[in-house]
């Protein structure tokens, strides 16, 4: 399988990857994309394959709490124009950034703190606008336009690509009891308690929604949710073309984005298994009961995809990308008894979707001689 991979012809596809949330050289927030680029032998130039630790724009961690910034903020108009000419496509895997309590030692990472680096910049939006004008492919996902991105840059992005963020993000937690689950952020619990008489009564699994102004909404299994895990439901023709499951669990962060349906097509949606009580809670906060997971614009003018989740962040081994046909053995890397594992999402949803997008875009590029 490795020899077959080694003998597979290389295909040059210049991808401008932007990841501002890189705490280690493993590049967790963009590893899934680089896995696909490496596995299918897409190269950044005539010879060189993509490397997780080097081939992106954003935050570069170094030893002893030092770092290097290599984002588009340092680009002037001429450099952005050159990059948009050189790049075939861009993928914004995460613009959230790095915060001081995550980066500097001996700090509580469950608390909020100041930003070391992050948020969508004016240069980022300028670059994406130029890519759109040059009829190229732009992909983005959660968290590209949420906090800490400035409202002005978020608005420009929304106008460029025909969507609007509602201000809500959410995540599934397999245990809401803070005495048991230490991964629940302290700021989230404090935000809820500050508006509910200093009370956090939750003990089961459930969903947490975070709105602008630190509004916290909690839905608990049994009371508000029949089944607590969100799932992605895919439209029939779309799933058949991209070889996706009709329905798959999704257990990580997501945002709620409203599409302009005159511009974008909704290809897959998040669905929640709500009780009547849960539906009433969401209606009280104007949170939709179902919302897009994947939306796209695929035209001769430009191509755009937005994934309303942290789709590219999956705990996978990069070493498996060196074996051609490894996807046929995906069952070896998945635990079907663990309904929350993100490896299953990578193998069953993200890999077939993104690899097909890239393969088809590359074929179109070759056809028109770009």
Protein backbone atom coordinates (compact mmCIF):
# COMPACT_ATOMS: atom_id res chain seq x y z
CA UNK A 1 0.00 0.00 0.00
CA UNK A 2 2.88 2.35 0.71
CA UNK A 3 4.55 1.47 -2.61
CA UNK A 4 1.26 2.09 -4.43
CA UNK A 5 1.01 5.48 -2.71
CA UNK A 6 4.62 6.24 -3.66
CA UNK A 7 3.93 5.39 -7.30
CA UNK A 8 0.79 7.54 -7.51
CA UNK A 9 1.45 10.57 -9.75
CA UNK A 10 1.77 13.90 -7.96
CA UNK A 11 -0.79 16.58 -8.73
CA UNK A 12 0.12 20.22 -8.18
CA UNK A 13 -2.61 22.10 -6.33
CA UNK A 14 -1.57 25.26 -4.54
CA UNK A 15 -3.65 25.53 -1.36
CA UNK A 16 -3.38 28.58 0.89
CA UNK A 17 -4.25 27.07 4.28
CA UNK A 18 -4.98 29.55 7.07
CA UNK A 19 -4.94 28.27 10.66
CA UNK A 20 -4.57 30.71 13.55
CA UNK A 21 -5.18 28.13 16.29
CA UNK A 22 -1.99 26.05 16.37
CA UNK A 23 -0.79 25.15 19.87
CA UNK A 24 1.58 22.35 18.80
CA UNK A 25 3.48 21.43 15.61
CA UNK A 26 0.94 18.64 15.05
CA UNK A 27 -1.47 21.31 13.77
CA UNK A 28 -4.63 19.71 15.12
CA UNK A 29 -6.93 22.28 13.51
CA UNK A 30 -5.71 21.58 9.95
CA UNK A 31 -4.33 18.02 10.15
CA UNK A 32 -7.37 16.48 8.43
CA UNK A 33 -6.95 18.70 5.38
CA UNK A 34 -3.20 18.06 5.14
CA UNK A 35 -3.88 14.32 5.53
CA UNK A 36 -6.10 14.46 2.43
CA UNK A 37 -3.57 16.52 0.45
CA UNK A 38 -0.80 14.06 1.31
CA UNK A 39 -2.87 10.91 0.81
CA UNK A 40 -4.00 11.89 -2.68
CA UNK A 41 -0.54 13.22 -3.58
CA UNK A 42 -1.49 16.87 -4.05
CA UNK A 43 1.68 19.00 -4.02
CA UNK A 44 2.35 22.65 -3.21
CA UNK A 45 4.75 22.94 -6.19
CA UNK A 46 6.10 20.59 -8.83
CA UNK A 47 7.76 18.31 -6.27
CA UNK A 48 6.96 18.95 -2.62
CA UNK A 49 4.10 17.47 -0.62
CA UNK A 50 2.35 19.42 2.13
CA UNK A 51 3.65 19.26 5.69
CA UNK A 52 1.40 19.78 8.70
CA UNK A 53 3.93 21.81 10.69
CA UNK A 54 4.99 24.19 7.92
CA UNK A 55 2.56 24.69 5.07
CA UNK A 56 -0.04 27.12 6.34
CA UNK A 57 -0.47 30.77 7.29
CA UNK A 58 -1.05 31.66 10.92
CA UNK A 59 0.44 30.93 14.34
CA UNK A 60 3.65 28.88 14.53
CA UNK A 61 4.52 27.55 18.02
CA UNK A 62 8.14 27.35 19.14
CA UNK A 63 9.84 26.23 22.35
CA UNK A 64 9.77 28.00 25.72
CA UNK A 65 6.55 29.94 25.14
CA UNK A 66 7.89 31.61 21.99
CA UNK A 67 6.13 31.71 18.65
CA UNK A 68 6.30 33.08 15.13
CA UNK A 69 3.46 34.78 13.27
CA UNK A 70 3.15 34.09 9.56
CA UNK A 71 -0.34 35.29 8.81
CA UNK A 72 -1.68 37.42 6.00
CA UNK A 73 -1.64 40.48 8.29
CA UNK A 74 1.92 41.16 7.13
CA UNK A 75 0.88 41.19 3.44
CA UNK A 76 0.38 44.47 1.58
CA UNK A 77 -1.91 44.79 -1.44
CA UNK A 78 0.73 43.66 -3.95
CA UNK A 79 1.59 40.53 -1.95
CA UNK A 80 -2.10 39.63 -1.53
CA UNK A 81 -2.56 40.02 -5.28
CA UNK A 82 0.43 37.75 -5.93
CA UNK A 83 -0.82 35.12 -3.48
CA UNK A 84 -4.29 35.15 -5.02
CA UNK A 85 -2.68 34.63 -8.45
CA UNK A 86 -0.43 31.81 -7.24
CA UNK A 87 -2.99 29.95 -5.10
CA UNK A 88 -5.53 27.64 -6.69
CA UNK A 89 -7.74 27.69 -3.62
CA UNK A 90 -7.81 28.75 0.01
CA UNK A 91 -9.15 26.94 3.08
CA UNK A 92 -9.68 28.77 6.39
CA UNK A 93 -9.61 25.93 8.91
CA UNK A 94 -9.69 28.11 12.05
CA UNK A 95 -9.38 31.84 12.78
CA UNK A 96 -10.19 31.59 16.51
CA UNK A 97 -6.57 32.08 17.52
CA UNK A 98 -4.41 31.43 20.56
CA UNK A 99 -5.17 32.89 23.99
CA UNK A 100 -2.71 33.78 26.72
CA UNK A 101 -3.97 31.17 29.21
CA UNK A 102 -3.51 28.44 26.58
CA UNK A 103 -0.06 29.54 25.53
CA UNK A 104 1.69 30.74 28.66
CA UNK A 105 2.35 28.12 31.32
CA UNK A 106 0.69 27.79 34.70
CA UNK A 107 -2.58 29.36 33.60
CA UNK A 108 -6.11 27.98 33.83
CA UNK A 109 -7.08 27.03 30.28
CA UNK A 110 -10.74 26.68 31.30
CA UNK A 111 -10.96 30.45 31.88
CA UNK A 112 -11.14 33.14 29.22
CA UNK A 113 -8.16 35.41 28.69
CA UNK A 114 -6.62 37.91 26.29
CA UNK A 115 -5.79 37.01 22.71
CA UNK A 116 -2.18 36.36 21.76
CA UNK A 117 -3.17 36.13 18.10
CA UNK A 118 -6.41 35.48 16.27
CA UNK A 119 -9.53 36.68 14.56
CA UNK A 120 -10.27 37.35 10.91
CA UNK A 121 -8.18 40.29 9.66
CA UNK A 122 -8.83 42.84 6.92
CA UNK A 123 -6.10 41.15 4.86
CA UNK A 124 -7.83 37.77 5.22
CA UNK A 125 -11.06 39.15 3.79
CA UNK A 126 -9.20 41.09 1.07
CA UNK A 127 -7.51 37.84 0.04
CA UNK A 128 -10.74 35.84 -0.04
CA UNK A 129 -12.39 38.63 -2.04
CA UNK A 130 -9.59 38.48 -4.61
CA UNK A 131 -9.88 34.68 -4.79
CA UNK A 132 -13.60 35.05 -5.46
CA UNK A 133 -12.99 37.70 -8.14
CA UNK A 134 -10.51 35.37 -9.84
CA UNK A 135 -13.14 32.58 -9.96
CA UNK A 136 -11.27 30.37 -7.52
CA UNK A 137 -12.31 28.04 -4.71
CA UNK A 138 -12.77 29.30 -1.16
CA UNK A 139 -13.51 26.95 1.75
CA UNK A 140 -14.11 28.01 5.34
CA UNK A 141 -15.49 26.48 8.49
CA UNK A 142 -16.14 27.16 12.17
CA UNK A 143 -14.48 29.24 13.61
CA UNK A 144 -13.79 31.69 10.79
CA UNK A 145 -16.16 34.57 11.55
CA UNK A 146 -17.05 34.06 15.22
CA UNK A 147 -15.33 35.64 18.23
CA UNK A 148 -12.72 37.16 18.33
CA UNK A 149 -13.14 38.36 14.72
CA UNK A 150 -14.10 42.02 14.43
CA UNK A 151 -17.67 42.84 13.41
CA UNK A 152 -16.46 44.75 10.33
CA UNK A 153 -14.54 41.77 8.92
CA UNK A 154 -17.36 39.37 9.76
CA UNK A 155 -19.85 41.59 7.92
CA UNK A 156 -17.59 41.79 4.86
CA UNK A 157 -17.27 37.99 4.81
CA UNK A 158 -21.04 37.58 5.13
CA UNK A 159 -21.68 39.99 2.26
CA UNK A 160 -19.06 38.34 0.06
CA UNK A 161 -20.36 34.81 0.46
CA UNK A 162 -24.09 35.06 1.10
CA UNK A 163 -24.54 33.96 4.69
CA UNK A 164 -25.01 35.43 8.16
CA UNK A 165 -23.85 34.19 11.55
CA UNK A 166 -26.63 34.28 14.15
CA UNK A 167 -24.19 34.84 17.02
CA UNK A 168 -24.75 31.33 18.38
CA UNK A 169 -22.27 28.48 18.70
CA UNK A 170 -22.84 25.13 20.39
CA UNK A 171 -21.30 21.88 21.53
CA UNK A 172 -22.31 18.49 22.86
CA UNK A 173 -20.98 17.44 26.29
CA UNK A 174 -21.16 13.80 27.33
CA UNK A 175 -21.38 14.86 30.98
CA UNK A 176 -22.71 18.20 32.25
CA UNK A 177 -21.85 17.50 35.89
CA UNK A 178 -18.88 19.80 36.56
CA UNK A 179 -17.70 17.56 39.40
CA UNK A 180 -17.21 14.76 36.86
CA UNK A 181 -16.40 16.57 33.62
CA UNK A 182 -13.45 18.90 34.12
CA UNK A 183 -13.42 19.85 30.41
CA UNK A 184 -16.45 22.09 30.68
CA UNK A 185 -15.04 25.65 30.44
CA UNK A 186 -15.35 27.62 33.68
CA UNK A 187 -16.41 30.74 31.80
CA UNK A 188 -19.35 28.81 30.36
CA UNK A 189 -20.58 27.64 33.77
CA UNK A 190 -20.06 31.08 35.32
CA UNK A 191 -21.92 32.73 32.44
CA UNK A 192 -24.92 30.49 33.01
CA UNK A 193 -24.86 30.84 36.80
CA UNK A 194 -24.68 34.65 36.62
CA UNK A 195 -28.14 34.67 34.99
CA UNK A 196 -29.71 31.76 36.92
CA UNK A 197 -29.36 32.53 40.64
CA UNK A 198 -25.86 31.06 40.89
CA UNK A 199 -27.21 27.61 39.97
CA UNK A 200 -25.87 24.91 37.61
CA UNK A 201 -28.32 22.01 38.09
CA UNK A 202 -27.23 19.74 35.24
CA UNK A 203 -26.03 16.16 35.75
CA UNK A 204 -26.64 14.32 32.45
CA UNK A 205 -25.25 14.68 28.95
CA UNK A 206 -26.52 17.49 26.79
CA UNK A 207 -26.04 20.46 24.47
CA UNK A 208 -24.74 23.91 25.36
CA UNK A 209 -25.36 26.98 23.20
CA UNK A 210 -23.30 30.15 23.66
CA UNK A 211 -24.65 33.42 22.29
CA UNK A 212 -23.22 36.88 21.96
CA UNK A 213 -23.09 38.71 25.28
CA UNK A 214 -22.21 35.38 26.94
CA UNK A 215 -25.80 34.14 26.95
CA UNK A 216 -25.70 30.43 27.83
CA UNK A 217 -28.51 28.00 26.99
CA UNK A 218 -28.30 24.40 28.20
CA UNK A 219 -30.40 21.49 26.93
CA UNK A 220 -30.20 18.33 29.03
CA UNK A 221 -30.84 14.73 28.00
CA UNK A 222 -34.11 13.36 29.33
CA UNK A 223 -35.70 16.76 29.88
CA UNK A 224 -34.95 18.75 26.71
CA UNK A 225 -33.44 16.13 24.42
CA UNK A 226 -34.62 12.66 23.47
CA UNK A 227 -31.19 11.89 22.06
CA UNK A 228 -28.52 14.41 23.10
CA UNK A 229 -26.08 14.09 20.18
CA UNK A 230 -26.61 16.40 17.20
CA UNK A 231 -26.50 14.66 13.88
CA UNK A 232 -25.90 15.79 10.32
CA UNK A 233 -28.54 14.80 7.79
CA UNK A 234 -27.43 14.91 4.16
CA UNK A 235 -29.62 15.62 1.13
CA UNK A 236 -30.02 12.56 -1.14
CA UNK A 237 -28.34 13.65 -4.39
CA UNK A 238 -25.54 15.32 -2.44
CA UNK A 239 -24.72 12.26 -0.33
CA UNK A 240 -24.79 9.99 -3.36
CA UNK A 241 -22.38 12.19 -5.29
CA UNK A 242 -19.93 12.62 -2.38
CA UNK A 243 -20.46 9.11 -0.95
CA UNK A 244 -21.66 10.33 2.43
CA UNK A 245 -23.91 8.69 5.02
CA UNK A 246 -27.51 9.84 5.21
CA UNK A 247 -27.06 10.61 8.90
CA UNK A 248 -23.98 10.89 11.13
CA UNK A 249 -23.37 11.99 14.72
CA UNK A 250 -21.41 15.18 15.33
CA UNK A 251 -20.03 15.80 18.82
CA UNK A 252 -17.79 18.88 18.50
CA UNK A 253 -18.19 22.67 18.19
CA UNK A 254 -20.57 24.11 15.59
CA UNK A 255 -22.02 27.51 14.71
CA UNK A 256 -25.47 28.50 13.54
CA UNK A 257 -25.30 30.32 10.21
CA UNK A 258 -28.24 31.45 8.08
CA UNK A 259 -27.65 31.12 4.31
CA UNK A 260 -28.87 33.40 1.57
CA UNK A 261 -30.59 30.65 -0.40
CA UNK A 262 -30.54 32.78 -3.54
CA UNK A 263 -26.73 32.48 -3.42
CA UNK A 264 -25.91 29.25 -1.58
CA UNK A 265 -27.39 25.77 -1.56
CA UNK A 266 -27.76 23.94 1.75
CA UNK A 267 -26.36 20.45 1.21
CA UNK A 268 -26.58 19.05 4.74
CA UNK A 269 -28.25 20.13 7.99
CA UNK A 270 -27.79 19.72 11.71
CA UNK A 271 -30.79 18.04 13.30
CA UNK A 272 -31.55 17.90 17.03
CA UNK A 273 -33.74 15.26 18.67
CA UNK A 274 -35.74 17.61 20.89
CA UNK A 275 -38.58 17.15 23.34
CA UNK A 276 -41.39 19.71 23.34
CA UNK A 277 -39.67 21.35 26.34
CA UNK A 278 -36.41 21.59 24.40
CA UNK A 279 -38.16 23.11 21.39
CA UNK A 280 -39.77 25.72 23.62
CA UNK A 281 -36.40 26.67 25.14
CA UNK A 282 -34.82 27.18 21.72
CA UNK A 283 -37.78 29.21 20.50
CA UNK A 284 -37.50 31.47 23.55
CA UNK A 285 -33.95 32.35 22.49
CA UNK A 286 -34.71 32.45 18.73
CA UNK A 287 -32.38 29.50 18.12
CA UNK A 288 -33.50 27.51 15.04
CA UNK A 289 -34.46 23.87 15.56
CA UNK A 290 -32.44 22.85 12.48
CA UNK A 291 -29.65 24.73 10.71
CA UNK A 292 -27.09 24.24 7.91
CA UNK A 293 -24.08 21.97 8.38
CA UNK A 294 -22.76 22.30 4.81
CA UNK A 295 -23.62 25.00 2.30
CA UNK A 296 -22.05 25.78 -1.04
CA UNK A 297 -21.98 27.98 -4.11
CA UNK A 298 -20.74 26.12 -7.18
CA UNK A 299 -20.81 28.30 -10.27
CA UNK A 300 -18.63 29.53 -13.11
CA UNK A 301 -18.18 32.81 -11.23
CA UNK A 302 -16.59 31.22 -8.14
CA UNK A 303 -16.82 28.22 -5.83
CA UNK A 304 -17.46 28.48 -2.10
CA UNK A 305 -18.06 26.00 0.71
CA UNK A 306 -18.86 26.70 4.33
CA UNK A 307 -18.84 23.98 6.99
CA UNK A 308 -20.72 24.98 10.15
CA UNK A 309 -18.53 22.90 12.43
CA UNK A 310 -14.94 22.28 13.43
CA UNK A 311 -14.81 19.68 10.66
CA UNK A 312 -11.04 19.77 10.07
CA UNK A 313 -10.16 19.09 13.72
CA UNK A 314 -10.06 15.32 14.17
CA UNK A 315 -7.69 13.15 16.26
CA UNK A 316 -6.25 11.14 13.38
CA UNK A 317 -2.80 9.72 12.70
CA UNK A 318 -1.03 11.44 9.83
CA UNK A 319 1.02 8.28 9.21
CA UNK A 320 -2.03 6.54 7.73
CA UNK A 321 -2.07 9.02 4.84
CA UNK A 322 0.97 7.29 3.30
CA UNK A 323 -0.97 4.11 2.45
CA UNK A 324 -3.03 4.03 -0.71
CA UNK A 325 -6.44 2.44 -0.21
CA UNK A 326 -6.32 2.86 3.58
CA UNK A 327 -9.89 4.17 3.49
CA UNK A 328 -11.04 0.63 2.68
CA UNK A 329 -9.88 -0.34 6.17
CA UNK A 330 -11.44 2.60 8.00
CA UNK A 331 -13.30 0.21 10.29
CA UNK A 332 -9.96 -0.55 11.96
CA UNK A 333 -9.68 3.08 13.14
CA UNK A 334 -13.23 3.53 14.42
CA UNK A 335 -14.91 2.43 17.61
CA UNK A 336 -18.58 1.95 16.78
CA UNK A 337 -19.43 1.69 20.48
CA UNK A 338 -18.25 5.27 21.04
CA UNK A 339 -20.90 7.49 19.48
CA UNK A 340 -18.92 10.68 20.18
CA UNK A 341 -15.61 9.81 18.54
CA UNK A 342 -14.46 12.24 15.85
CA UNK A 343 -12.36 9.67 13.99
CA UNK A 344 -15.58 8.20 12.60
CA UNK A 345 -16.60 11.65 11.39
CA UNK A 346 -13.28 12.03 9.57
CA UNK A 347 -13.41 8.66 7.84
CA UNK A 348 -17.12 8.62 7.00
CA UNK A 349 -17.87 12.27 6.26
CA UNK A 350 -14.96 14.72 6.09
CA UNK A 351 -12.55 12.61 4.03
CA UNK A 352 -14.97 11.65 1.23
CA UNK A 353 -16.46 15.15 1.07
CA UNK A 354 -13.26 17.20 0.96
CA UNK A 355 -11.30 14.74 -1.16
CA UNK A 356 -14.06 14.78 -3.79
CA UNK A 357 -14.21 18.58 -3.74
CA UNK A 358 -10.45 18.79 -4.30
CA UNK A 359 -10.34 16.07 -6.96
CA UNK A 360 -13.14 17.64 -8.97
CA UNK A 361 -11.67 21.12 -8.64
CA UNK A 362 -8.27 19.84 -9.78
CA UNK A 363 -9.89 18.12 -12.79
CA UNK A 364 -11.68 21.36 -13.74
CA UNK A 365 -8.43 23.29 -13.32
CA UNK A 366 -6.61 20.88 -15.66
CA UNK A 367 -9.46 21.00 -18.17
CA UNK A 368 -9.35 24.78 -18.57
CA UNK A 369 -5.55 24.82 -18.40
CA UNK A 370 -5.22 26.98 -15.30
